[in-house]
Amino acid sequence: MFVLKADGRKEEFSQEKIVRTCVRSGVAPDMARSIAKKIAGSVQNGMTTHKIYTMILAELDMANGSSIFMLREAIANLDPISFELYVKKVLEAHGYRCMWNKLIKGMNVEHQVDVIANKERSFLVECKRHFNPHRFTGLNICLQVEARLNDIMLGSKNGKNNYKFDAAWVVTNTKFSDHAKMYAKGVGIRLTGWRYDEEFALEKLVQAKKVLPVTILKTDVSVQRGLLNKKILTLQDLIREKPKIGAKDLISQANSILSKLGERPKA
């Protein structure tokens, strides 16, 4: 039996993939297998993966494990500026000292740098958010950020700026193309994307510190936008800031999500 992916490709249906998805969302393996078996009984040949996604989500909702499963879509629903600021918060949660939106003179032109991150090394961070989380981040992004880094480093050597970068770092909410991966490995660009690369994969960085975006909350898009406009980007921001509009319900949701992930709820 085959299912239809978002990009139009067909692949063989795998019940085990549903099990792995459910386990990643936080439910126990036995529950994950039970959910997968139930869904497998309803899957029809040619069904879209999006339809299966909604079926999984409905089951996870009943099992109280849907929040992490929705993480990919929630991050995609951040606007580009909010995504940059969100990446900064995620990196800061991992101990990086960060600056946002800096203009830096290169040897030839001035460059806008999304985030500067310092810890074990100094990184020029390029943030690339796609509204469609299934879209690939390609080679062109890696070529652009490497050219930007080289011009800034050359400018530093010639006294046009005081920044000493060691490497570039591309952070995106999607997967990377094979060419992007090959080029990045060759020139030393660190890549953070969806399920890539190992310890620096975006979902791993987010889940390790439980830095979930407010777009994961079940509320109107207008409410989410209002929070983002106030620079309330994470569930922790929401709990700390206690915004007036819908505060009680939203904070209750945030505490519930965080408690399921093992973080002690806040008052």
Protein backbone atom coordinates (compact mmCIF):
# COMPACT_ATOMS: atom_id res chain seq x y z
CA MET A 1 0.00 0.00 0.00
CA PHE A 2 1.30 3.43 -0.97
CA VAL A 3 0.74 6.92 0.45
CA LEU A 4 1.16 10.28 -1.26
CA LYS A 5 3.69 12.74 0.20
CA ALA A 6 3.35 16.55 0.19
CA ASP A 7 5.73 16.90 -2.78
CA GLY A 8 3.73 14.43 -4.88
CA ARG A 9 6.03 11.45 -4.40
CA LYS A 10 4.64 8.03 -3.52
CA GLU A 11 6.12 5.84 -0.82
CA GLU A 12 5.15 2.59 0.81
CA PHE A 13 3.03 2.99 3.92
CA SER A 14 4.96 2.27 7.11
CA GLN A 15 3.21 1.62 10.40
CA GLU A 16 6.59 1.82 12.13
CA LYS A 17 6.98 5.45 11.01
CA ILE A 18 3.79 6.30 12.89
CA VAL A 19 5.18 4.56 15.99
CA ARG A 20 8.41 6.60 15.80
CA THR A 21 6.45 9.82 15.27
CA CYS A 22 4.28 9.17 18.30
CA VAL A 23 7.26 8.29 20.48
CA ARG A 24 9.01 11.52 19.45
CA SER A 25 5.88 13.41 20.51
CA GLY A 26 6.30 12.07 24.04
CA VAL A 27 3.85 9.16 24.33
CA ALA A 28 4.96 5.79 25.67
CA PRO A 29 6.04 3.11 23.15
CA ASP A 30 3.07 0.84 23.96
CA MET A 31 0.65 3.72 23.40
CA ALA A 32 2.51 4.63 20.19
CA ARG A 33 2.10 1.10 18.83
CA SER A 34 -1.58 1.13 19.77
CA ILE A 35 -2.11 4.44 17.94
CA ALA A 36 -0.19 3.21 14.89
CA LYS A 37 -2.23 0.00 14.73
CA LYS A 38 -5.50 1.94 14.95
CA ILE A 39 -4.48 4.38 12.20
CA ALA A 40 -3.11 1.62 9.97
CA GLY A 41 -6.58 0.05 9.97
CA SER A 42 -8.01 3.25 8.46
CA VAL A 43 -5.31 4.07 5.91
CA GLN A 44 -6.29 3.55 2.30
CA ASN A 45 -4.08 3.17 -0.74
CA GLY A 46 -3.18 6.60 -2.16
CA MET A 47 -4.08 8.48 1.02
CA THR A 48 -2.07 11.66 1.54
CA THR A 49 0.47 11.94 4.35
CA HIS A 50 -1.34 15.14 5.37
CA LYS A 51 -4.51 13.13 6.01
CA ILE A 52 -2.51 10.63 8.04
CA TYR A 53 -0.95 13.58 9.90
CA THR A 54 -4.40 14.80 10.97
CA MET A 55 -5.32 11.29 12.09
CA ILE A 56 -2.16 11.03 14.20
CA LEU A 57 -2.77 14.47 15.65
CA ALA A 58 -6.31 13.55 16.68
CA GLU A 59 -5.06 10.42 18.45
CA LEU A 60 -2.22 12.32 20.14
CA ASP A 61 -4.67 14.94 21.32
CA MET A 62 -6.58 12.24 23.15
CA ALA A 63 -3.30 10.87 24.52
CA ASN A 64 -2.11 14.36 25.58
CA GLY A 65 0.97 14.13 23.40
CA SER A 66 0.29 16.43 20.45
CA SER A 67 2.43 19.45 21.39
CA ILE A 68 5.82 18.20 20.16
CA PHE A 69 4.19 16.65 17.10
CA MET A 70 2.92 20.13 16.22
CA LEU A 71 6.31 21.76 16.77
CA ARG A 72 7.34 21.79 13.11
CA GLU A 73 4.16 23.52 12.01
CA ALA A 74 4.31 25.92 14.97
CA ILE A 75 7.82 27.09 14.06
CA ALA A 76 6.78 27.51 10.41
CA ASN A 77 3.99 29.81 11.61
CA LEU A 78 6.48 32.29 13.05
CA ASP A 79 7.00 35.31 10.80
CA PRO A 80 10.59 35.79 9.52
CA ILE A 81 11.59 38.40 12.13
CA SER A 82 10.06 36.39 14.97
CA PHE A 83 11.93 33.33 13.68
CA GLU A 84 15.24 35.19 13.94
CA LEU A 85 14.45 36.27 17.50
CA TYR A 86 13.26 32.76 18.33
CA VAL A 87 16.52 31.26 17.06
CA LYS A 88 18.37 33.75 19.27
CA LYS A 89 16.37 32.58 22.31
CA VAL A 90 17.00 28.92 21.51
CA LEU A 91 20.74 29.49 21.20
CA GLU A 92 20.82 31.57 24.38
CA ALA A 93 19.08 28.70 26.20
CA HIS A 94 22.08 26.58 25.19
CA GLY A 95 24.56 29.06 26.62
CA TYR A 96 25.40 31.16 23.57
CA ARG A 97 25.89 34.91 23.97
CA CYS A 98 23.88 36.39 21.13
CA MET A 99 23.27 39.69 19.35
CA TRP A 100 20.48 40.23 16.84
CA ASN A 101 20.25 42.18 13.58
CA LYS A 102 23.67 43.75 13.26
CA LEU A 103 24.92 45.78 10.28
CA ILE A 104 28.57 44.99 9.62
CA LYS A 105 30.86 46.54 7.03
CA GLY A 106 32.58 44.03 4.82
CA MET A 107 35.51 44.66 2.52
CA ASN A 108 33.18 45.57 -0.33
CA VAL A 109 29.63 46.08 1.01
CA GLU A 110 27.69 46.34 4.28
CA HIS A 111 25.93 43.19 5.48
CA GLN A 112 22.88 42.61 7.68
CA VAL A 113 23.64 39.72 10.03
CA ASP A 114 20.65 37.97 11.59
CA VAL A 115 22.33 36.68 14.75
CA ILE A 116 25.85 36.67 16.15
CA ALA A 117 26.41 33.71 18.50
CA ASN A 118 29.45 33.21 20.72
CA LYS A 119 30.31 30.20 22.82
CA GLU A 120 32.95 27.68 21.82
CA ARG A 121 33.44 29.70 18.63
CA SER A 122 32.08 32.91 17.14
CA PHE A 123 29.35 32.26 14.55
CA LEU A 124 27.69 34.42 11.93
CA VAL A 125 24.16 32.96 12.00
CA GLU A 126 21.86 33.10 8.99
CA CYS A 127 18.21 32.36 9.83
CA LYS A 128 16.06 31.01 7.00
CA ARG A 129 12.41 30.36 7.78
CA HIS A 130 10.08 28.75 5.23
CA PHE A 131 6.30 28.96 5.60
CA ASN A 132 6.09 25.53 3.95
CA PRO A 133 8.01 23.26 6.36
CA HIS A 134 8.34 20.61 3.64
CA ARG A 135 10.40 22.87 1.39
CA PHE A 136 14.15 22.22 1.19
CA THR A 137 16.74 24.84 2.06
CA GLY A 138 19.14 24.75 -0.86
CA LEU A 139 22.72 25.34 -1.86
CA ASN A 140 22.12 29.02 -2.68
CA ILE A 141 21.62 29.90 1.00
CA CYS A 142 24.93 28.29 1.94
CA LEU A 143 26.72 30.04 -0.93
CA GLN A 144 25.29 33.41 0.14
CA VAL A 145 26.21 33.09 3.81
CA GLU A 146 29.74 31.90 3.01
CA ALA A 147 30.25 34.86 0.66
CA ARG A 148 28.94 37.21 3.37
CA LEU A 149 31.27 35.68 5.96
CA ASN A 150 34.29 35.96 3.67
CA ASP A 151 33.61 39.61 2.86
CA ILE A 152 33.17 40.49 6.55
CA MET A 153 36.33 38.58 7.53
CA LEU A 154 38.29 40.35 4.79
CA GLY A 155 36.87 43.64 6.00
CA SER A 156 38.01 42.82 9.54
CA LYS A 157 41.57 42.23 8.34
CA ASN A 158 41.51 45.62 6.65
CA GLY A 159 40.12 47.53 9.65
CA LYS A 160 36.56 48.03 8.39
CA ASN A 161 34.97 46.13 11.29
CA ASN A 162 35.97 44.66 14.64
CA TYR A 163 34.25 41.28 14.34
CA LYS A 164 36.27 38.04 14.46
CA PHE A 165 34.07 35.25 13.17
CA ASP A 166 35.20 31.63 13.08
CA ALA A 167 32.42 30.16 10.94
CA ALA A 168 28.96 30.57 9.48
CA TRP A 169 25.88 28.81 10.82
CA VAL A 170 22.63 28.37 8.88
CA VAL A 171 19.49 27.72 10.95
CA THR A 172 16.30 26.77 9.14
CA ASN A 173 12.98 25.12 9.99
CA THR A 174 13.18 22.74 7.02
CA LYS A 175 15.48 20.03 5.73
CA PHE A 176 18.57 20.78 3.63
CA SER A 177 19.21 19.68 0.06
CA ASP A 178 22.03 17.19 -0.51
CA HIS A 179 24.08 19.84 -2.33
CA ALA A 180 23.69 22.23 0.61
CA LYS A 181 24.93 19.53 3.00
CA MET A 182 27.90 18.67 0.79
CA TYR A 183 28.95 22.29 0.34
CA ALA A 184 28.51 23.13 4.03
CA LYS A 185 30.63 20.17 5.06
CA GLY A 186 33.35 21.17 2.59
CA VAL A 187 33.66 24.80 3.74
CA GLY A 188 32.85 24.31 7.42
CA ILE A 189 29.36 25.82 7.71
CA ARG A 190 27.36 24.49 10.66
CA LEU A 191 23.84 23.47 9.63
CA THR A 192 20.79 23.36 11.88
CA GLY A 193 17.62 22.16 10.22
CA TRP A 194 14.74 19.80 10.77
CA ARG A 195 16.29 16.48 11.84
CA TYR A 196 19.70 17.77 10.80
CA ASP A 197 22.48 17.72 11.93
CA GLU A 198 22.81 15.35 14.89
CA GLU A 199 23.07 17.31 18.16
CA PHE A 200 22.39 20.62 16.37
CA ALA A 201 19.11 19.53 14.72
CA LEU A 202 16.50 22.22 15.33
CA GLU A 203 13.93 20.02 17.07
CA LYS A 204 16.66 18.62 19.37
CA LEU A 205 17.86 22.10 20.36
CA VAL A 206 14.27 23.18 21.05
CA GLN A 207 13.20 20.08 22.96
CA ALA A 208 16.39 19.87 25.03
CA LYS A 209 15.63 23.23 26.64
CA LYS A 210 11.83 23.15 26.10
CA VAL A 211 11.92 26.49 24.25
CA LEU A 212 8.56 26.09 22.53
CA PRO A 213 7.10 28.94 20.44
CA VAL A 214 3.76 30.52 21.39
CA THR A 215 2.44 29.47 17.97
CA ILE A 216 2.08 25.98 19.42
CA LEU A 217 -0.82 27.17 21.56
CA LYS A 218 -4.39 26.40 20.54
CA THR A 219 -5.70 29.90 20.02
CA ASP A 220 -6.65 32.28 17.21
CA VAL A 221 -3.93 33.31 14.79
CA SER A 222 -4.68 36.95 15.67
CA VAL A 223 -3.86 36.22 19.32
CA GLN A 224 -0.62 34.52 18.32
CA ARG A 225 0.31 37.50 16.13
CA GLY A 226 -0.45 39.87 19.00
CA LEU A 227 1.94 37.95 21.25
CA LEU A 228 4.67 37.91 18.60
CA ASN A 229 4.29 41.65 18.03
CA LYS A 230 4.96 42.14 21.75
CA LYS A 231 8.09 39.97 21.40
CA ILE A 232 6.44 37.23 23.48
CA LEU A 233 7.91 34.35 21.51
CA THR A 234 8.12 31.35 23.83
CA LEU A 235 5.92 29.70 26.42
CA GLN A 236 8.36 30.89 29.07
CA ASP A 237 8.00 34.46 27.80
CA LEU A 238 4.23 34.12 28.04
CA ILE A 239 4.29 32.84 31.62
CA ARG A 240 6.72 35.56 32.68
CA GLU A 241 5.05 38.49 30.91
CA LYS A 242 1.40 37.56 31.65
CA PRO A 243 -0.20 39.52 28.76
CA LYS A 244 -3.69 40.88 29.40
CA ILE A 245 -5.52 39.32 26.46
CA GLY A 246 -6.52 35.74 27.24
CA ALA A 247 -3.73 35.46 29.81
CA LYS A 248 -5.36 32.92 32.13
CA ASP A 249 -6.25 30.40 29.42
CA LEU A 250 -2.99 30.82 27.51
CA ILE A 251 -0.81 30.51 30.61
CA SER A 252 -2.78 27.44 31.66
CA GLN A 253 -2.09 25.90 28.25
CA ALA A 254 1.60 26.81 28.45
CA ASN A 255 2.00 25.30 31.91
CA SER A 256 0.17 22.15 30.81
CA ILE A 257 2.43 21.68 27.78
CA LEU A 258 5.60 22.31 29.77
CA SER A 259 4.53 20.01 32.60
CA LYS A 260 4.04 17.17 30.10
CA LEU A 261 7.62 17.78 28.98
CA GLY A 262 8.88 17.53 32.53
CA GLU A 263 9.20 21.22 33.37
CA ARG A 264 7.70 22.38 36.62
CA PRO A 265 4.65 24.63 36.00
CA LYS A 266 4.87 28.29 37.00
CA ALA A 267 2.24 30.26 38.85
